[in-house]
Amino acid sequence: MRWIGGRAFLSDARIRRAARAALRAGGRPDLELSLVFVRDRELTRMHADWLGDPSPTDVLSFDLGDAGEVVTSFECARRTARARGVEPGRELSLYVVHGVLHLCGLDDRTKPERVRMRAAERAVLLSLGWEDDPEPHDELRRRRGAAP
């Protein structure tokens, strides 16, 4: 686990718990993971370089076969948490869970996929003791015209 360009605001233990819970929920409990937390600018650069999309994002997942890497913007987590009125640690946990679930084969491109992904995210976060945040993130982004 690495924090690049910022200080951790969620313990390694809580982040590991979130990742392990998502791996179990997604059916890949033995997948080796690398978790990296970066600034918005770095994640946007990676999004452009690796996926050809220059828009900002909150999390990227890279499936490397026997291992996976999840790269998350800690700045986005803090900003979005403030806008939503939730704890930054919960928001960051959501991004970790979301990225790990992608590595487990869940997607969110179509409405049925998104419904399944959101249900899995919610179940994992609730199992970790985080309060429910029922407002869909997708709707918040669309209303505010903001990047994820």
N, C-alpha and C. Protein backbone atom coordinates (compact mmCIF):
# COMPACT_ATOMS: atom_id res chain seq x y z
N MET A 1 0.85 -1.15 0.00
CA MET A 1 0.00 0.00 0.00
C MET A 1 0.91 1.23 0.00
N ARG A 2 0.62 2.15 -0.92
CA ARG A 2 1.45 3.35 -1.02
C ARG A 2 0.58 4.59 -1.16
N TRP A 3 0.98 5.63 -0.45
CA TRP A 3 0.37 6.95 -0.59
C TRP A 3 1.42 7.82 -1.25
N ILE A 4 1.08 8.38 -2.40
CA ILE A 4 2.03 9.21 -3.14
C ILE A 4 1.49 10.64 -3.18
N GLY A 5 2.23 11.56 -2.59
CA GLY A 5 1.85 12.97 -2.64
C GLY A 5 0.87 13.40 -1.58
N GLY A 6 0.62 12.55 -0.59
CA GLY A 6 -0.31 12.93 0.46
C GLY A 6 -0.17 12.03 1.66
N ARG A 7 -0.84 12.41 2.73
CA ARG A 7 -0.79 11.65 3.98
C ARG A 7 -2.03 10.78 4.11
N ALA A 8 -1.84 9.60 4.65
CA ALA A 8 -2.95 8.67 4.87
C ALA A 8 -3.97 9.26 5.83
N PHE A 9 -5.25 9.11 5.51
CA PHE A 9 -6.30 9.53 6.44
C PHE A 9 -7.22 8.37 6.78
N LEU A 10 -6.82 7.16 6.40
CA LEU A 10 -7.51 5.94 6.77
C LEU A 10 -6.41 4.91 7.04
N SER A 11 -6.56 4.16 8.10
CA SER A 11 -5.49 3.24 8.48
C SER A 11 -5.32 2.13 7.45
N ASP A 12 -4.10 1.63 7.37
CA ASP A 12 -3.82 0.50 6.48
C ASP A 12 -4.72 -0.68 6.82
N ALA A 13 -4.97 -0.91 8.10
CA ALA A 13 -5.81 -2.03 8.52
C ALA A 13 -7.23 -1.90 7.96
N ARG A 14 -7.79 -0.70 8.02
CA ARG A 14 -9.16 -0.51 7.49
C ARG A 14 -9.19 -0.64 5.98
N ILE A 15 -8.17 -0.16 5.32
CA ILE A 15 -8.11 -0.29 3.86
C ILE A 15 -7.98 -1.76 3.48
N ARG A 16 -7.13 -2.49 4.18
CA ARG A 16 -6.98 -3.93 3.90
C ARG A 16 -8.28 -4.67 4.13
N ARG A 17 -8.98 -4.34 5.21
CA ARG A 17 -10.28 -4.98 5.49
C ARG A 17 -11.25 -4.74 4.35
N ALA A 18 -11.29 -3.50 3.85
CA ALA A 18 -12.20 -3.17 2.75
C ALA A 18 -11.84 -3.98 1.50
N ALA A 19 -10.56 -4.04 1.19
CA ALA A 19 -10.12 -4.78 0.00
C ALA A 19 -10.42 -6.26 0.13
N ARG A 20 -10.14 -6.84 1.31
CA ARG A 20 -10.40 -8.28 1.52
C ARG A 20 -11.89 -8.59 1.44
N ALA A 21 -12.72 -7.73 2.03
CA ALA A 21 -14.17 -7.94 1.99
C ALA A 21 -14.68 -7.88 0.55
N ALA A 22 -14.16 -6.96 -0.23
CA ALA A 22 -14.57 -6.86 -1.64
C ALA A 22 -14.10 -8.08 -2.43
N LEU A 23 -12.89 -8.55 -2.16
CA LEU A 23 -12.40 -9.75 -2.84
C LEU A 23 -13.28 -10.96 -2.52
N ARG A 24 -13.66 -11.11 -1.27
CA ARG A 24 -14.55 -12.21 -0.89
C ARG A 24 -15.90 -12.08 -1.59
N ALA A 25 -16.47 -10.86 -1.55
CA ALA A 25 -17.78 -10.62 -2.18
C ALA A 25 -17.73 -10.87 -3.68
N GLY A 26 -16.59 -10.58 -4.28
CA GLY A 26 -16.45 -10.75 -5.72
C GLY A 26 -15.98 -12.13 -6.15
N GLY A 27 -15.71 -13.00 -5.19
CA GLY A 27 -15.34 -14.36 -5.52
C GLY A 27 -13.87 -14.58 -5.88
N ARG A 28 -13.00 -13.63 -5.53
CA ARG A 28 -11.57 -13.78 -5.79
C ARG A 28 -10.75 -13.53 -4.52
N PRO A 29 -11.03 -14.27 -3.45
CA PRO A 29 -10.41 -13.98 -2.16
C PRO A 29 -8.90 -14.12 -2.13
N ASP A 30 -8.31 -14.85 -3.07
CA ASP A 30 -6.87 -15.08 -3.05
C ASP A 30 -6.08 -14.16 -3.97
N LEU A 31 -6.75 -13.22 -4.62
CA LEU A 31 -6.06 -12.32 -5.53
C LEU A 31 -5.08 -11.43 -4.77
N GLU A 32 -3.85 -11.36 -5.24
CA GLU A 32 -2.85 -10.46 -4.66
C GLU A 32 -3.17 -9.05 -5.13
N LEU A 33 -3.10 -8.09 -4.21
CA LEU A 33 -3.45 -6.71 -4.54
C LEU A 33 -2.35 -5.73 -4.20
N SER A 34 -2.25 -4.72 -5.04
CA SER A 34 -1.45 -3.55 -4.75
C SER A 34 -2.42 -2.38 -4.71
N LEU A 35 -2.35 -1.58 -3.66
CA LEU A 35 -3.22 -0.42 -3.51
C LEU A 35 -2.36 0.83 -3.46
N VAL A 36 -2.71 1.79 -4.33
CA VAL A 36 -1.93 3.02 -4.44
C VAL A 36 -2.89 4.20 -4.36
N PHE A 37 -2.52 5.21 -3.59
CA PHE A 37 -3.34 6.41 -3.41
C PHE A 37 -2.55 7.61 -3.90
N VAL A 38 -3.14 8.33 -4.86
CA VAL A 38 -2.45 9.42 -5.54
C VAL A 38 -3.33 10.67 -5.58
N ARG A 39 -2.75 11.76 -6.05
CA ARG A 39 -3.48 13.01 -6.26
C ARG A 39 -4.31 12.92 -7.55
N ASP A 40 -5.29 13.81 -7.66
CA ASP A 40 -6.16 13.86 -8.84
C ASP A 40 -5.37 13.92 -10.15
N ARG A 41 -4.41 14.81 -10.17
CA ARG A 41 -3.65 15.04 -11.41
C ARG A 41 -2.98 13.75 -11.90
N GLU A 42 -2.40 12.98 -10.99
CA GLU A 42 -1.72 11.74 -11.37
C GLU A 42 -2.72 10.70 -11.87
N LEU A 43 -3.86 10.59 -11.21
CA LEU A 43 -4.85 9.60 -11.66
C LEU A 43 -5.44 9.99 -13.01
N THR A 44 -5.64 11.28 -13.24
CA THR A 44 -6.13 11.74 -14.54
C THR A 44 -5.12 11.42 -15.63
N ARG A 45 -3.83 11.62 -15.34
CA ARG A 45 -2.77 11.27 -16.31
C ARG A 45 -2.80 9.78 -16.62
N MET A 46 -2.93 8.97 -15.60
CA MET A 46 -2.97 7.52 -15.79
C MET A 46 -4.20 7.12 -16.60
N HIS A 47 -5.33 7.76 -16.33
CA HIS A 47 -6.56 7.48 -17.06
C HIS A 47 -6.36 7.75 -18.55
N ALA A 48 -5.69 8.85 -18.86
CA ALA A 48 -5.41 9.19 -20.25
C ALA A 48 -4.40 8.21 -20.87
N ASP A 49 -3.32 7.96 -20.16
CA ASP A 49 -2.26 7.09 -20.68
C ASP A 49 -2.71 5.66 -20.90
N TRP A 50 -3.42 5.10 -19.93
CA TRP A 50 -3.75 3.67 -19.99
C TRP A 50 -5.09 3.37 -20.64
N LEU A 51 -6.05 4.31 -20.54
CA LEU A 51 -7.37 4.04 -21.09
C LEU A 51 -7.77 5.00 -22.20
N GLY A 52 -6.88 5.93 -22.52
CA GLY A 52 -7.18 6.87 -23.61
C GLY A 52 -8.27 7.86 -23.28
N ASP A 53 -8.56 8.04 -22.01
CA ASP A 53 -9.63 8.95 -21.59
C ASP A 53 -9.00 10.04 -20.70
N PRO A 54 -8.94 11.28 -21.18
CA PRO A 54 -8.27 12.33 -20.42
C PRO A 54 -9.11 12.94 -19.30
N SER A 55 -10.32 12.42 -19.07
CA SER A 55 -11.17 13.00 -18.03
C SER A 55 -10.74 12.52 -16.64
N PRO A 56 -11.03 13.32 -15.62
CA PRO A 56 -10.71 12.90 -14.25
C PRO A 56 -11.52 11.67 -13.86
N THR A 57 -11.00 10.91 -12.93
CA THR A 57 -11.71 9.75 -12.39
C THR A 57 -11.33 9.59 -10.93
N ASP A 58 -12.01 8.68 -10.25
CA ASP A 58 -11.74 8.48 -8.83
C ASP A 58 -10.92 7.23 -8.55
N VAL A 59 -11.01 6.22 -9.41
CA VAL A 59 -10.30 4.96 -9.18
C VAL A 59 -10.07 4.25 -10.50
N LEU A 60 -8.92 3.60 -10.61
CA LEU A 60 -8.60 2.75 -11.76
C LEU A 60 -8.19 1.38 -11.24
N SER A 61 -8.58 0.34 -11.98
CA SER A 61 -8.20 -1.03 -11.63
C SER A 61 -7.44 -1.64 -12.79
N PHE A 62 -6.39 -2.36 -12.45
CA PHE A 62 -5.59 -3.05 -13.45
C PHE A 62 -5.51 -4.52 -13.09
N ASP A 63 -6.12 -5.37 -13.93
CA ASP A 63 -6.10 -6.81 -13.71
C ASP A 63 -4.84 -7.37 -14.35
N LEU A 64 -3.97 -7.91 -13.55
CA LEU A 64 -2.69 -8.43 -14.03
C LEU A 64 -2.66 -9.96 -14.00
N GLY A 65 -3.84 -10.57 -14.01
CA GLY A 65 -3.94 -12.03 -13.98
C GLY A 65 -3.99 -12.55 -12.56
N ASP A 66 -2.84 -12.93 -12.02
CA ASP A 66 -2.77 -13.45 -10.65
C ASP A 66 -2.72 -12.35 -9.61
N ALA A 67 -2.69 -11.12 -10.05
CA ALA A 67 -2.62 -9.97 -9.16
C ALA A 67 -3.43 -8.83 -9.76
N GLY A 68 -3.67 -7.83 -8.95
CA GLY A 68 -4.38 -6.65 -9.42
C GLY A 68 -3.86 -5.42 -8.73
N GLU A 69 -4.05 -4.29 -9.37
CA GLU A 69 -3.66 -3.01 -8.77
C GLU A 69 -4.85 -2.07 -8.82
N VAL A 70 -5.08 -1.40 -7.72
CA VAL A 70 -6.14 -0.40 -7.62
C VAL A 70 -5.46 0.91 -7.28
N VAL A 71 -5.69 1.93 -8.11
CA VAL A 71 -5.12 3.26 -7.90
C VAL A 71 -6.28 4.22 -7.68
N THR A 72 -6.22 4.94 -6.58
CA THR A 72 -7.32 5.79 -6.14
C THR A 72 -6.85 7.21 -5.89
N SER A 73 -7.73 8.17 -6.19
CA SER A 73 -7.43 9.57 -5.88
C SER A 73 -7.92 9.89 -4.47
N PHE A 74 -6.97 10.13 -3.56
CA PHE A 74 -7.35 10.50 -2.20
C PHE A 74 -7.93 11.92 -2.17
N GLU A 75 -7.51 12.78 -3.10
CA GLU A 75 -8.07 14.13 -3.16
C GLU A 75 -9.55 14.07 -3.55
N CYS A 76 -9.87 13.23 -4.52
CA CYS A 76 -11.26 13.08 -4.94
C CYS A 76 -12.10 12.55 -3.78
N ALA A 77 -11.56 11.59 -3.04
CA ALA A 77 -12.30 11.03 -1.90
C ALA A 77 -12.61 12.12 -0.87
N ARG A 78 -11.63 12.94 -0.55
CA ARG A 78 -11.87 14.02 0.43
C ARG A 78 -12.91 15.02 -0.09
N ARG A 79 -12.76 15.43 -1.33
CA ARG A 79 -13.65 16.42 -1.93
C ARG A 79 -15.08 15.88 -2.02
N THR A 80 -15.22 14.66 -2.49
CA THR A 80 -16.54 14.08 -2.67
C THR A 80 -17.20 13.82 -1.31
N ALA A 81 -16.42 13.38 -0.34
CA ALA A 81 -16.96 13.16 1.00
C ALA A 81 -17.52 14.46 1.57
N ARG A 82 -16.79 15.53 1.40
CA ARG A 82 -17.24 16.84 1.89
C ARG A 82 -18.56 17.22 1.20
N ALA A 83 -18.65 17.03 -0.11
CA ALA A 83 -19.87 17.38 -0.86
C ALA A 83 -21.05 16.51 -0.46
N ARG A 84 -20.79 15.26 -0.10
CA ARG A 84 -21.86 14.32 0.24
C ARG A 84 -22.19 14.31 1.73
N GLY A 85 -21.33 14.92 2.54
CA GLY A 85 -21.55 14.91 3.98
C GLY A 85 -21.26 13.57 4.63
N VAL A 86 -20.25 12.86 4.10
CA VAL A 86 -19.85 11.58 4.68
C VAL A 86 -18.38 11.67 5.10
N GLU A 87 -17.94 10.67 5.84
CA GLU A 87 -16.54 10.64 6.27
C GLU A 87 -15.62 10.36 5.08
N PRO A 88 -14.49 11.06 5.00
CA PRO A 88 -13.55 10.78 3.91
C PRO A 88 -13.10 9.32 3.88
N GLY A 89 -12.95 8.71 5.03
CA GLY A 89 -12.56 7.30 5.08
C GLY A 89 -13.58 6.40 4.45
N ARG A 90 -14.86 6.73 4.60
CA ARG A 90 -15.91 5.94 3.96
C ARG A 90 -15.82 6.07 2.44
N GLU A 91 -15.62 7.28 1.99
CA GLU A 91 -15.54 7.53 0.55
C GLU A 91 -14.33 6.81 -0.04
N LEU A 92 -13.20 6.88 0.64
CA LEU A 92 -12.02 6.19 0.16
C LEU A 92 -12.24 4.67 0.17
N SER A 93 -12.89 4.16 1.20
CA SER A 93 -13.22 2.73 1.24
C SER A 93 -14.10 2.34 0.06
N LEU A 94 -15.06 3.20 -0.27
CA LEU A 94 -15.92 2.94 -1.42
C LEU A 94 -15.08 2.80 -2.69
N TYR A 95 -14.12 3.69 -2.89
CA TYR A 95 -13.29 3.63 -4.09
C TYR A 95 -12.47 2.35 -4.13
N VAL A 96 -11.93 1.95 -2.98
CA VAL A 96 -11.17 0.70 -2.92
C VAL A 96 -12.08 -0.47 -3.26
N VAL A 97 -13.25 -0.52 -2.63
CA VAL A 97 -14.20 -1.60 -2.88
C VAL A 97 -14.61 -1.62 -4.35
N HIS A 98 -14.91 -0.48 -4.90
CA HIS A 98 -15.32 -0.38 -6.31
C HIS A 98 -14.21 -0.91 -7.23
N GLY A 99 -12.99 -0.46 -7.01
CA GLY A 99 -11.88 -0.91 -7.82
C GLY A 99 -11.65 -2.41 -7.72
N VAL A 100 -11.74 -2.95 -6.50
CA VAL A 100 -11.54 -4.38 -6.30
C VAL A 100 -12.67 -5.17 -6.97
N LEU A 101 -13.89 -4.69 -6.85
CA LEU A 101 -15.01 -5.39 -7.50
C LEU A 101 -14.83 -5.43 -9.02
N HIS A 102 -14.26 -4.38 -9.60
CA HIS A 102 -13.94 -4.43 -11.03
C HIS A 102 -12.98 -5.58 -11.31
N LEU A 103 -11.99 -5.77 -10.46
CA LEU A 103 -11.03 -6.87 -10.63
C LEU A 103 -11.70 -8.23 -10.49
N CYS A 104 -12.84 -8.26 -9.83
CA CYS A 104 -13.59 -9.50 -9.63
C CYS A 104 -14.61 -9.73 -10.75
N GLY A 105 -14.63 -8.84 -11.74
CA GLY A 105 -15.50 -9.03 -12.89
C GLY A 105 -16.76 -8.20 -12.92
N LEU A 106 -17.03 -7.43 -11.88
CA LEU A 106 -18.21 -6.57 -11.92
C LEU A 106 -17.90 -5.34 -12.75
N ASP A 107 -18.93 -4.82 -13.39
CA ASP A 107 -18.76 -3.63 -14.21
C ASP A 107 -19.89 -2.67 -13.91
N ASP A 108 -19.85 -1.49 -14.49
CA ASP A 108 -20.89 -0.49 -14.24
C ASP A 108 -21.17 0.35 -15.48
N ARG A 109 -20.99 -0.26 -16.64
CA ARG A 109 -21.22 0.49 -17.89
C ARG A 109 -22.70 0.57 -18.25
N THR A 110 -23.43 -0.51 -18.04
CA THR A 110 -24.86 -0.50 -18.36
C THR A 110 -25.66 -0.37 -17.07
N LYS A 111 -26.93 -0.02 -17.19
CA LYS A 111 -27.76 0.14 -16.00
C LYS A 111 -27.84 -1.14 -15.18
N PRO A 112 -28.10 -2.32 -15.77
CA PRO A 112 -28.12 -3.54 -14.95
C PRO A 112 -26.78 -3.84 -14.27
N GLU A 113 -25.68 -3.58 -14.95
CA GLU A 113 -24.36 -3.78 -14.35
C GLU A 113 -24.16 -2.81 -13.18
N ARG A 114 -24.59 -1.58 -13.39
CA ARG A 114 -24.44 -0.55 -12.36
C ARG A 114 -25.25 -0.91 -11.11
N VAL A 115 -26.46 -1.43 -11.31
CA VAL A 115 -27.30 -1.82 -10.19
C VAL A 115 -26.60 -2.93 -9.39
N ARG A 116 -26.05 -3.90 -10.08
CA ARG A 116 -25.34 -5.00 -9.42
C ARG A 116 -24.10 -4.49 -8.68
N MET A 117 -23.34 -3.62 -9.33
CA MET A 117 -22.14 -3.05 -8.71
C MET A 117 -22.50 -2.27 -7.45
N ARG A 118 -23.50 -1.39 -7.54
CA ARG A 118 -23.88 -0.57 -6.39
C ARG A 118 -24.37 -1.44 -5.23
N ALA A 119 -25.10 -2.50 -5.52
CA ALA A 119 -25.58 -3.40 -4.47
C ALA A 119 -24.39 -4.10 -3.79
N ALA A 120 -23.42 -4.52 -4.57
CA ALA A 120 -22.23 -5.17 -4.00
C ALA A 120 -21.43 -4.18 -3.16
N GLU A 121 -21.24 -2.97 -3.68
CA GLU A 121 -20.52 -1.94 -2.91
C GLU A 121 -21.20 -1.69 -1.57
N ARG A 122 -22.51 -1.51 -1.63
CA ARG A 122 -23.29 -1.22 -0.42
C ARG A 122 -23.16 -2.35 0.59
N ALA A 123 -23.31 -3.58 0.14
CA ALA A 123 -23.23 -4.73 1.04
C ALA A 123 -21.86 -4.81 1.70
N VAL A 124 -20.80 -4.59 0.94
CA VAL A 124 -19.46 -4.65 1.50
C VAL A 124 -19.26 -3.53 2.51
N LEU A 125 -19.63 -2.32 2.16
CA LEU A 125 -19.43 -1.18 3.07
C LEU A 125 -20.23 -1.35 4.36
N LEU A 126 -21.46 -1.84 4.25
CA LEU A 126 -22.26 -2.08 5.45
C LEU A 126 -21.63 -3.16 6.32
N SER A 127 -21.07 -4.20 5.68
CA SER A 127 -20.41 -5.27 6.44
C SER A 127 -19.19 -4.76 7.20
N LEU A 128 -18.62 -3.65 6.74
CA LEU A 128 -17.45 -3.06 7.37
C LEU A 128 -17.83 -2.04 8.45
N GLY A 129 -19.13 -1.81 8.59
CA GLY A 129 -19.59 -0.89 9.63
C GLY A 129 -19.76 0.55 9.19
N TRP A 130 -19.62 0.82 7.90
CA TRP A 130 -19.82 2.18 7.42
C TRP A 130 -21.32 2.45 7.31
N GLU A 131 -21.72 3.69 7.60
CA GLU A 131 -23.11 4.08 7.45
C GLU A 131 -23.50 4.06 5.97
N ASP A 132 -24.77 3.78 5.75
CA ASP A 132 -25.27 3.77 4.38
C ASP A 132 -25.29 5.19 3.82
N ASP A 133 -25.02 5.31 2.55
CA ASP A 133 -25.07 6.58 1.83
C ASP A 133 -25.96 6.32 0.61
N PRO A 134 -27.28 6.47 0.76
CA PRO A 134 -28.20 6.01 -0.28
C PRO A 134 -28.24 6.84 -1.57
N GLU A 135 -27.71 8.06 -1.55
CA GLU A 135 -27.76 8.86 -2.77
C GLU A 135 -26.75 8.31 -3.78
N PRO A 136 -27.23 7.98 -4.98
CA PRO A 136 -26.30 7.43 -5.98
C PRO A 136 -25.21 8.43 -6.36
N HIS A 137 -23.99 7.95 -6.41
CA HIS A 137 -22.87 8.80 -6.82
C HIS A 137 -23.05 9.28 -8.26
N ASP A 138 -23.55 8.42 -9.10
CA ASP A 138 -23.72 8.79 -10.51
C ASP A 138 -24.66 9.99 -10.65
N GLU A 139 -25.71 10.00 -9.86
CA GLU A 139 -26.66 11.11 -9.92
C GLU A 139 -26.03 12.40 -9.41
N LEU A 140 -25.26 12.31 -8.35
CA LEU A 140 -24.60 13.50 -7.80
C LEU A 140 -23.68 14.11 -8.84
N ARG A 141 -22.90 13.28 -9.50
CA ARG A 141 -21.96 13.78 -10.52
C ARG A 141 -22.72 14.44 -11.67
N ARG A 142 -23.80 13.81 -12.11
CA ARG A 142 -24.54 14.33 -13.25
C ARG A 142 -25.18 15.68 -12.89
N ARG A 143 -25.77 15.78 -11.70
CA ARG A 143 -26.43 17.02 -11.29
C ARG A 143 -25.44 18.17 -11.18
N ARG A 144 -24.27 17.89 -10.64
CA ARG A 144 -23.30 18.94 -10.42
C ARG A 144 -22.42 19.16 -11.62
N GLY A 145 -22.52 18.27 -12.60
CA GLY A 145 -21.67 18.39 -13.77
C GLY A 145 -20.21 18.18 -13.45
N ALA A 146 -19.96 17.48 -12.34
CA ALA A 146 -18.58 17.29 -11.87
C ALA A 146 -18.01 15.99 -12.36
N ALA A 147 -16.71 15.95 -12.34
CA ALA A 147 -16.00 14.71 -12.63
C ALA A 147 -16.20 13.77 -11.45
N PRO A 148 -16.03 12.47 -11.67
CA PRO A 148 -16.18 11.51 -10.59
C PRO A 148 -15.25 11.82 -9.44
